[in-house]
Amino acid sequence: MKYTCVLILFLFSQVIQADITDASQPHREKLDQAFLATLQKHKLNTIGVAVIKSGQIQWTGHYGQQAPGIPASETTLFDVGSITKLVTTQTVLQLVQAGKINLDEPMSEHWVDPDIIDDERHLKLTPRMVLTHSTGFANWRFFSEDRKLKFINPPGTHYSYSGEGFQYLAKFIENKLDTSFEALAQEYVFTPAGMSNVSMSVNKALYHDIAQALDKGGEFYGHYCRPGGWCSNEGTTSVAGSMVITVQDLSRFLIWSMNNSGLNSELQQQINTIKAEQPLVKGFQCEKLPNAHCPSRQGYGLGWNVTEFKGGRLIGHGGSDWSLITLAYYYPATQDGVVILLNGPSDFAMKAMINAITILDPSSPKLHEYLFRSER
């Protein structure tokens, strides 16, 4: 009986173990070759990657160019898109633990967006709804014809991914605490996590270190600019996207977070538990990638994306924009994780992400998601 129990525990541990690639010294030349080939095959501008093993950074890699004539390096800042929401989430949860805000308090006492001031449903909005993407807002107001914020679902009833919700939450917090959100992130996240090469705001002093976003023709429109000519202004802060950070600092953040970042067990449990389920799992065709764990459920706990599969779960977030596809995640059971930052036209980078995940974590359940997204 004793040996049977040991065998069962051993087999169970094999199921939940992440199959993340060994990036120790003997394997790094092959990793370099694989990522250089990915860079060239998919016509990317820049790649930044990291492997985390047992809660420690084992290896980082940087490929391509930061700008013409400047190779990517450890000091290169990457726009990570919606991975920004993880920093925002951890800042919010630290404020909750400190008693500065409450997850279930109405945000209307300190902020109401002018676009919805006449819609009484704004009275129901809470920070918890934002973190679980159930505010009822669309992703961005500028996707609508009138470019105004509006409810597409009643608050708290349906999953609907929303960057607007995160911006709304930041405005509420800034008004309530009379402090800029980035200052709060610095105090509650950047400093305790040991992050010194990161910015959530447009800062021209950092432009020299940011990987340039180029379109398919190789044109650069400017940092924080889009092909249509729109640019974010100096000092603008986005808590939902556009944070720039080095691979090393994002890895440090992931490690700090997987070690609970000082949060109590109740908050950590709510991070790790799906509260708002995403329906996209129904579209996965797991038979196409038989060696990758097939997700059984996927959705959001408090701010973090949770993927459940047989024997384990994965916690993280991705990002996407016209010039980037990014991903950072870890397995709580092993404290192994990866960071993958791809700077290049998004349709090229989406296919490259499948390559990158396969190189670093060939059994990752995230492979099914990115295959599904690349085929849509």
Protein backbone atom coordinates (compact mmCIF):
# COMPACT_ATOMS: atom_id res chain seq x y z
CA MET A 1 0.00 0.00 0.00
CA LYS A 2 2.83 2.37 0.91
CA TYR A 3 4.56 1.83 -2.43
CA THR A 4 1.26 2.17 -4.32
CA CYS A 5 0.69 5.59 -2.75
CA VAL A 6 4.22 6.67 -3.63
CA LEU A 7 3.69 5.53 -7.22
CA ILE A 8 0.40 7.43 -7.49
CA LEU A 9 2.01 10.59 -6.14
CA PHE A 10 4.89 10.20 -8.58
CA LEU A 11 2.57 9.74 -11.56
CA PHE A 12 0.44 12.71 -10.47
CA SER A 13 3.54 14.88 -10.20
CA GLN A 14 4.45 13.93 -13.76
CA VAL A 15 1.04 15.12 -14.95
CA ILE A 16 1.24 18.53 -13.33
CA GLN A 17 4.89 19.13 -14.17
CA ALA A 18 5.32 21.75 -16.87
CA ASP A 19 7.35 20.55 -19.82
CA ILE A 20 9.25 23.82 -20.10
CA THR A 21 12.48 23.51 -22.04
CA ASP A 22 15.73 23.21 -20.12
CA ALA A 23 17.52 26.48 -20.88
CA SER A 24 20.72 25.71 -18.98
CA GLN A 25 24.06 26.46 -20.62
CA PRO A 26 24.40 23.31 -22.82
CA HIS A 27 21.07 24.06 -24.54
CA ARG A 28 21.44 27.77 -25.22
CA GLU A 29 23.09 27.55 -28.62
CA LYS A 30 20.12 25.53 -29.91
CA LEU A 31 17.71 28.03 -28.37
CA ASP A 32 19.55 30.90 -30.05
CA GLN A 33 19.39 29.11 -33.40
CA ALA A 34 15.68 28.36 -32.99
CA PHE A 35 14.74 31.94 -32.16
CA LEU A 36 16.91 33.46 -34.88
CA ALA A 37 15.15 31.14 -37.34
CA THR A 38 11.76 32.22 -35.94
CA LEU A 39 12.73 35.89 -36.28
CA GLN A 40 13.68 35.44 -39.93
CA LYS A 41 10.89 33.06 -40.95
CA HIS A 42 8.13 35.28 -39.58
CA LYS A 43 9.74 38.61 -40.49
CA LEU A 44 9.74 39.97 -36.95
CA ASN A 45 11.68 43.00 -35.80
CA THR A 46 12.51 41.93 -32.25
CA ILE A 47 12.13 38.95 -29.92
CA GLY A 48 12.64 38.87 -26.16
CA VAL A 49 12.19 35.64 -24.21
CA ALA A 50 12.81 34.18 -20.77
CA VAL A 51 12.62 30.80 -19.07
CA ILE A 52 11.78 30.63 -15.36
CA LYS A 53 12.54 27.41 -13.49
CA SER A 54 11.50 26.81 -9.89
CA GLY A 55 10.87 30.50 -9.35
CA GLN A 56 14.24 31.66 -10.72
CA ILE A 57 15.22 33.23 -14.05
CA GLN A 58 17.18 30.48 -15.80
CA TRP A 59 17.77 32.20 -19.13
CA THR A 60 16.85 35.20 -21.25
CA GLY A 61 17.31 35.75 -24.97
CA HIS A 62 17.15 38.85 -27.17
CA TYR A 63 17.07 38.75 -30.98
CA GLY A 64 16.68 41.19 -33.84
CA GLN A 65 16.98 44.93 -33.57
CA GLN A 66 15.88 47.54 -31.08
CA ALA A 67 16.24 50.16 -33.82
CA PRO A 68 18.18 50.25 -37.10
CA GLY A 69 21.79 49.49 -36.28
CA ILE A 70 21.05 48.79 -32.60
CA PRO A 71 20.69 45.09 -31.68
CA ALA A 72 18.18 44.03 -29.05
CA SER A 73 19.72 43.54 -25.61
CA GLU A 74 18.94 43.22 -21.92
CA THR A 75 18.20 46.95 -21.78
CA THR A 76 15.64 46.85 -24.60
CA LEU A 77 12.16 47.95 -23.52
CA PHE A 78 9.26 46.07 -25.09
CA ASP A 79 5.68 47.27 -25.40
CA VAL A 80 3.87 44.32 -23.80
CA GLY A 81 0.29 45.31 -24.65
CA SER A 82 -2.33 43.85 -22.33
CA ILE A 83 0.21 42.18 -20.06
CA THR A 84 0.09 45.67 -18.55
CA LYS A 85 -3.19 44.59 -16.94
CA LEU A 86 -1.28 42.19 -14.68
CA VAL A 87 0.69 45.05 -13.13
CA THR A 88 -2.54 47.01 -12.76
CA THR A 89 -4.22 44.02 -11.13
CA GLN A 90 -1.41 43.47 -8.64
CA THR A 91 -1.41 47.18 -7.77
CA VAL A 92 -5.17 47.08 -7.17
CA LEU A 93 -4.96 43.95 -5.02
CA GLN A 94 -2.16 45.43 -2.94
CA LEU A 95 -4.39 48.46 -2.34
CA VAL A 96 -7.22 46.13 -1.34
CA GLN A 97 -4.99 44.33 1.14
CA ALA A 98 -3.79 47.66 2.54
CA GLY A 99 -7.41 48.69 3.12
CA LYS A 100 -7.22 51.61 0.68
CA ILE A 101 -10.04 50.33 -1.53
CA ASN A 102 -12.62 47.54 -1.47
CA LEU A 103 -13.26 45.15 -4.34
CA ASP A 104 -17.02 45.51 -3.94
CA GLU A 105 -17.42 49.23 -3.30
CA PRO A 106 -19.30 51.27 -5.92
CA MET A 107 -16.90 53.24 -8.08
CA SER A 108 -19.56 55.88 -8.72
CA GLU A 109 -18.70 57.62 -5.44
CA HIS A 110 -15.41 58.79 -6.94
CA TRP A 111 -15.76 58.48 -10.71
CA VAL A 112 -18.46 58.35 -13.35
CA ASP A 113 -17.52 58.59 -17.00
CA PRO A 114 -19.47 61.44 -18.66
CA ASP A 115 -20.59 59.08 -21.44
CA ILE A 116 -22.63 56.95 -19.03
CA ILE A 117 -23.65 59.48 -16.39
CA ASP A 118 -27.30 59.25 -17.47
CA ASP A 119 -27.29 55.44 -17.41
CA GLU A 120 -28.10 54.32 -13.85
CA ARG A 121 -26.24 51.06 -14.41
CA HIS A 122 -23.02 52.93 -13.66
CA LEU A 123 -24.06 52.77 -9.98
CA LYS A 124 -23.46 49.00 -10.00
CA LEU A 125 -19.84 49.10 -11.22
CA THR A 126 -17.24 47.77 -8.78
CA PRO A 127 -13.49 47.03 -8.94
CA ARG A 128 -14.23 43.30 -8.84
CA MET A 129 -16.26 43.56 -12.04
CA VAL A 130 -13.34 45.24 -13.76
CA LEU A 131 -10.84 42.56 -12.75
CA THR A 132 -13.17 39.77 -13.89
CA HIS A 133 -14.06 41.56 -17.15
CA SER A 134 -17.75 41.74 -16.30
CA THR A 135 -18.37 45.52 -16.34
CA GLY A 136 -20.54 45.19 -19.43
CA PHE A 137 -18.27 47.52 -21.42
CA ALA A 138 -16.84 46.70 -24.83
CA ASN A 139 -13.05 46.51 -25.13
CA TRP A 140 -12.64 50.12 -26.33
CA ARG A 141 -15.11 52.90 -26.99
CA PHE A 142 -13.33 53.98 -30.16
CA PHE A 143 -14.49 50.76 -31.85
CA SER A 144 -18.09 52.05 -31.77
CA GLU A 145 -19.43 54.43 -34.40
CA ASP A 146 -20.00 57.31 -31.99
CA ARG A 147 -16.77 56.56 -30.03
CA LYS A 148 -18.66 56.76 -26.75
CA LEU A 149 -18.50 54.45 -23.75
CA LYS A 150 -21.64 52.37 -23.31
CA PHE A 151 -22.88 49.16 -21.74
CA ILE A 152 -23.22 46.17 -24.05
CA ASN A 153 -24.29 43.94 -21.12
CA PRO A 154 -25.70 44.67 -17.67
CA PRO A 155 -22.81 45.02 -15.18
CA GLY A 156 -21.81 41.81 -13.42
CA THR A 157 -23.75 39.44 -15.68
CA HIS A 158 -21.52 38.42 -18.59
CA TYR A 159 -17.87 38.06 -19.50
CA SER A 160 -16.79 40.83 -21.88
CA TYR A 161 -13.08 41.62 -22.12
CA SER A 162 -12.59 45.35 -21.59
CA GLY A 163 -9.61 47.66 -21.55
CA GLU A 164 -12.07 50.47 -20.86
CA GLY A 165 -12.93 48.83 -17.57
CA PHE A 166 -9.31 48.98 -16.42
CA GLN A 167 -9.01 52.64 -17.39
CA TYR A 168 -12.24 53.31 -15.48
CA LEU A 169 -10.87 51.55 -12.40
CA ALA A 170 -7.64 53.56 -12.51
CA LYS A 171 -9.58 56.81 -12.70
CA PHE A 172 -11.66 55.77 -9.69
CA ILE A 173 -8.53 54.91 -7.68
CA GLU A 174 -6.70 58.11 -8.64
CA ASN A 175 -9.68 60.21 -7.60
CA LYS A 176 -10.24 58.34 -4.34
CA LEU A 177 -6.58 58.30 -3.25
CA ASP A 178 -5.52 61.57 -4.91
CA THR A 179 -2.43 59.85 -6.33
CA SER A 180 -1.42 58.95 -9.88
CA PHE A 181 -1.81 55.28 -10.70
CA GLU A 182 1.79 54.93 -11.82
CA ALA A 183 2.97 56.33 -8.48
CA LEU A 184 0.88 53.67 -6.76
CA ALA A 185 2.30 50.97 -9.04
CA GLN A 186 5.79 52.18 -8.19
CA GLU A 187 5.11 51.97 -4.45
CA TYR A 188 3.12 48.75 -4.34
CA VAL A 189 4.59 46.72 -7.23
CA PHE A 190 7.70 48.04 -8.99
CA THR A 191 9.77 48.68 -5.87
CA PRO A 192 8.89 45.52 -3.91
CA ALA A 193 9.28 43.36 -7.05
CA GLY A 194 12.69 44.87 -7.86
CA MET A 195 11.59 46.40 -11.18
CA SER A 196 13.57 49.44 -12.31
CA ASN A 197 13.21 49.30 -16.11
CA VAL A 198 9.49 49.77 -16.63
CA SER A 199 7.04 52.57 -17.44
CA MET A 200 3.26 52.72 -17.77
CA SER A 201 3.39 56.29 -19.10
CA VAL A 202 4.63 57.88 -22.30
CA ASN A 203 8.10 59.18 -21.46
CA LYS A 204 10.29 60.59 -24.24
CA ALA A 205 13.39 60.04 -22.12
CA LEU A 206 12.92 56.29 -22.68
CA TYR A 207 12.41 56.36 -26.44
CA HIS A 208 16.01 55.40 -27.20
CA ASP A 209 15.56 52.08 -25.37
CA ILE A 210 12.15 51.05 -26.76
CA ALA A 211 12.04 48.45 -29.54
CA GLN A 212 10.72 50.22 -32.62
CA ALA A 213 7.40 48.97 -33.99
CA LEU A 214 7.60 48.60 -37.78
CA ASP A 215 4.86 47.74 -40.25
CA LYS A 216 5.18 45.14 -43.01
CA GLY A 217 6.94 47.66 -45.20
CA GLY A 218 9.46 48.51 -42.50
CA GLU A 219 7.97 51.93 -41.74
CA PHE A 220 8.25 53.37 -38.21
CA TYR A 221 5.46 55.78 -37.23
CA GLY A 222 6.96 56.84 -33.91
CA HIS A 223 6.81 55.39 -30.42
CA TYR A 224 3.26 55.07 -29.05
CA CYS A 225 1.94 55.82 -32.55
CA ARG A 226 -0.34 53.89 -34.89
CA PRO A 227 -0.29 53.59 -38.69
CA GLY A 228 -3.26 55.95 -39.03
CA GLY A 229 -1.24 58.77 -37.50
CA TRP A 230 -2.66 58.76 -33.97
CA CYS A 231 -0.08 59.01 -31.16
CA SER A 232 -0.32 58.99 -27.36
CA ASN A 233 0.77 62.25 -25.77
CA GLU A 234 3.72 62.69 -23.42
CA GLY A 235 2.71 61.76 -19.87
CA THR A 236 -0.31 59.70 -20.93
CA THR A 237 -0.76 56.60 -18.78
CA SER A 238 -2.49 53.43 -19.94
CA VAL A 239 -3.17 50.83 -17.28
CA ALA A 240 -4.70 48.45 -19.84
CA GLY A 241 -1.87 48.34 -22.40
CA SER A 242 1.34 49.92 -23.71
CA MET A 243 3.52 49.41 -20.63
CA VAL A 244 7.17 49.16 -21.71
CA ILE A 245 9.47 46.86 -19.77
CA THR A 246 12.59 44.73 -20.14
CA VAL A 247 12.40 40.95 -20.34
CA GLN A 248 14.24 40.72 -17.03
CA ASP A 249 11.86 43.02 -15.18
CA LEU A 250 8.78 41.24 -16.52
CA SER A 251 10.32 37.96 -15.36
CA ARG A 252 10.96 39.47 -11.93
CA PHE A 253 7.34 40.58 -11.78
CA LEU A 254 6.13 37.09 -12.68
CA ILE A 255 8.32 35.52 -9.98
CA TRP A 256 7.19 38.07 -7.39
CA SER A 257 3.57 37.34 -8.29
CA MET A 258 3.93 33.55 -8.21
CA ASN A 259 5.31 33.94 -4.69
CA ASN A 260 2.00 35.64 -3.79
CA SER A 261 3.58 39.14 -3.74
CA GLY A 262 2.62 39.46 -0.09
CA LEU A 263 -1.09 38.99 -0.78
CA ASN A 264 -3.16 37.00 1.68
CA SER A 265 -4.30 33.48 0.77
CA GLU A 266 -7.89 34.58 0.10
CA LEU A 267 -6.87 37.10 -2.57
CA GLN A 268 -4.39 34.67 -4.10
CA GLN A 269 -7.09 32.01 -4.29
CA GLN A 270 -9.35 34.46 -6.12
CA ILE A 271 -6.57 35.17 -8.62
CA ASN A 272 -6.16 31.45 -9.32
CA THR A 273 -9.86 30.59 -9.62
CA ILE A 274 -11.91 31.22 -12.77
CA LYS A 275 -14.73 33.66 -12.03
CA ALA A 276 -15.57 34.68 -15.61
CA GLU A 277 -15.29 31.89 -18.16
CA GLN A 278 -14.20 32.46 -21.76
CA PRO A 279 -16.16 30.49 -24.37
CA LEU A 280 -13.25 30.20 -26.83
CA VAL A 281 -12.18 26.82 -25.40
CA LYS A 282 -15.15 25.30 -27.23
CA GLY A 283 -13.44 26.13 -30.52
CA PHE A 284 -10.13 24.44 -29.74
CA GLN A 285 -9.28 21.39 -31.85
CA CYS A 286 -6.92 19.61 -29.50
CA GLU A 287 -6.39 16.71 -31.89
CA LYS A 288 -4.29 19.03 -34.06
CA LEU A 289 -1.71 19.32 -31.29
CA PRO A 290 -1.85 15.96 -29.49
CA ASN A 291 1.34 16.58 -27.50
CA ALA A 292 0.01 19.76 -25.88
CA HIS A 293 -2.23 19.73 -22.82
CA CYS A 294 -5.84 20.27 -23.90
CA PRO A 295 -7.52 23.06 -21.89
CA SER A 296 -10.72 22.07 -20.12
CA ARG A 297 -11.61 25.61 -19.01
CA GLN A 298 -10.20 29.09 -19.51
CA GLY A 299 -11.19 32.45 -18.08
CA TYR A 300 -10.37 35.14 -15.56
CA GLY A 301 -9.88 35.09 -11.84
CA LEU A 302 -9.05 38.50 -10.40
CA GLY A 303 -7.21 40.06 -13.34
CA TRP A 304 -5.16 37.00 -14.30
CA ASN A 305 -6.08 34.62 -17.09
CA VAL A 306 -6.41 31.04 -15.85
CA THR A 307 -6.15 27.96 -18.08
CA GLU A 308 -7.18 24.64 -16.54
CA PHE A 309 -6.09 21.33 -18.03
CA LYS A 310 -6.00 17.74 -16.82
CA GLY A 311 -3.83 17.71 -13.72
CA GLY A 312 -2.94 21.37 -13.49
CA ARG A 313 -3.45 25.02 -14.29
CA LEU A 314 -1.56 27.89 -15.87
CA ILE A 315 -1.76 31.55 -14.79
CA GLY A 316 -0.78 34.54 -16.92
CA HIS A 317 -1.82 36.99 -19.62
CA GLY A 318 -1.18 37.82 -23.24
CA GLY A 319 -1.11 41.01 -25.25
CA SER A 320 -1.77 41.94 -28.87
CA ASP A 321 -1.77 45.05 -31.00
CA TRP A 322 -1.01 45.92 -34.61
CA SER A 323 2.73 45.53 -33.97
CA LEU A 324 3.04 42.94 -31.20
CA ILE A 325 1.99 39.64 -29.71
CA THR A 326 3.13 38.94 -26.15
CA LEU A 327 2.65 36.26 -23.53
CA ALA A 328 3.76 35.66 -19.93
CA TYR A 329 2.61 32.80 -17.72
CA TYR A 330 3.58 30.32 -15.04
CA TYR A 331 2.50 27.00 -13.57
CA PRO A 332 1.73 27.42 -9.84
CA ALA A 333 2.52 23.76 -9.12
CA THR A 334 6.13 24.03 -10.29
CA GLN A 335 6.84 27.78 -10.34
CA ASP A 336 8.09 27.34 -13.91
CA GLY A 337 7.15 29.97 -16.47
CA VAL A 338 7.93 31.72 -19.72
CA VAL A 339 8.01 35.25 -21.10
CA ILE A 340 7.63 35.70 -24.86
CA LEU A 341 7.65 39.21 -26.36
CA LEU A 342 7.32 39.44 -30.14
CA ASN A 343 7.68 42.81 -31.85
CA GLY A 344 6.42 42.67 -35.42
CA PRO A 345 3.25 42.90 -37.54
CA SER A 346 0.58 41.08 -35.54
CA ASP A 347 -0.44 38.54 -38.18
CA PHE A 348 3.21 37.53 -38.59
CA ALA A 349 3.75 37.55 -34.83
CA MET A 350 0.66 35.43 -34.13
CA LYS A 351 2.08 32.55 -36.15
CA ALA A 352 5.52 33.16 -34.64
CA MET A 353 4.00 32.83 -31.17
CA ILE A 354 3.09 29.22 -31.93
CA ASN A 355 6.74 28.60 -32.85
CA ALA A 356 8.00 30.37 -29.74
CA ILE A 357 5.73 28.47 -27.34
CA THR A 358 6.70 25.19 -29.00
CA ILE A 359 10.38 25.99 -28.50
CA LEU A 360 10.02 26.89 -24.82
CA ASP A 361 7.05 24.84 -23.60
CA PRO A 362 6.08 22.17 -26.17
CA SER A 363 3.20 20.75 -24.10
CA SER A 364 1.73 24.15 -23.19
CA PRO A 365 -2.08 24.35 -23.24
CA LYS A 366 -1.64 27.87 -24.64
CA LEU A 367 -0.65 26.35 -27.99
CA HIS A 368 -4.29 25.51 -28.66
CA GLU A 369 -5.38 29.10 -28.03
CA TYR A 370 -2.82 30.62 -30.39
CA LEU A 371 -3.49 28.05 -33.11
CA PHE A 372 -7.20 28.85 -32.79
CA ARG A 373 -6.53 32.60 -32.98
CA SER A 374 -4.15 32.26 -35.93
CA GLU A 375 -6.74 30.33 -37.96
CA ARG A 376 -9.61 32.76 -37.39
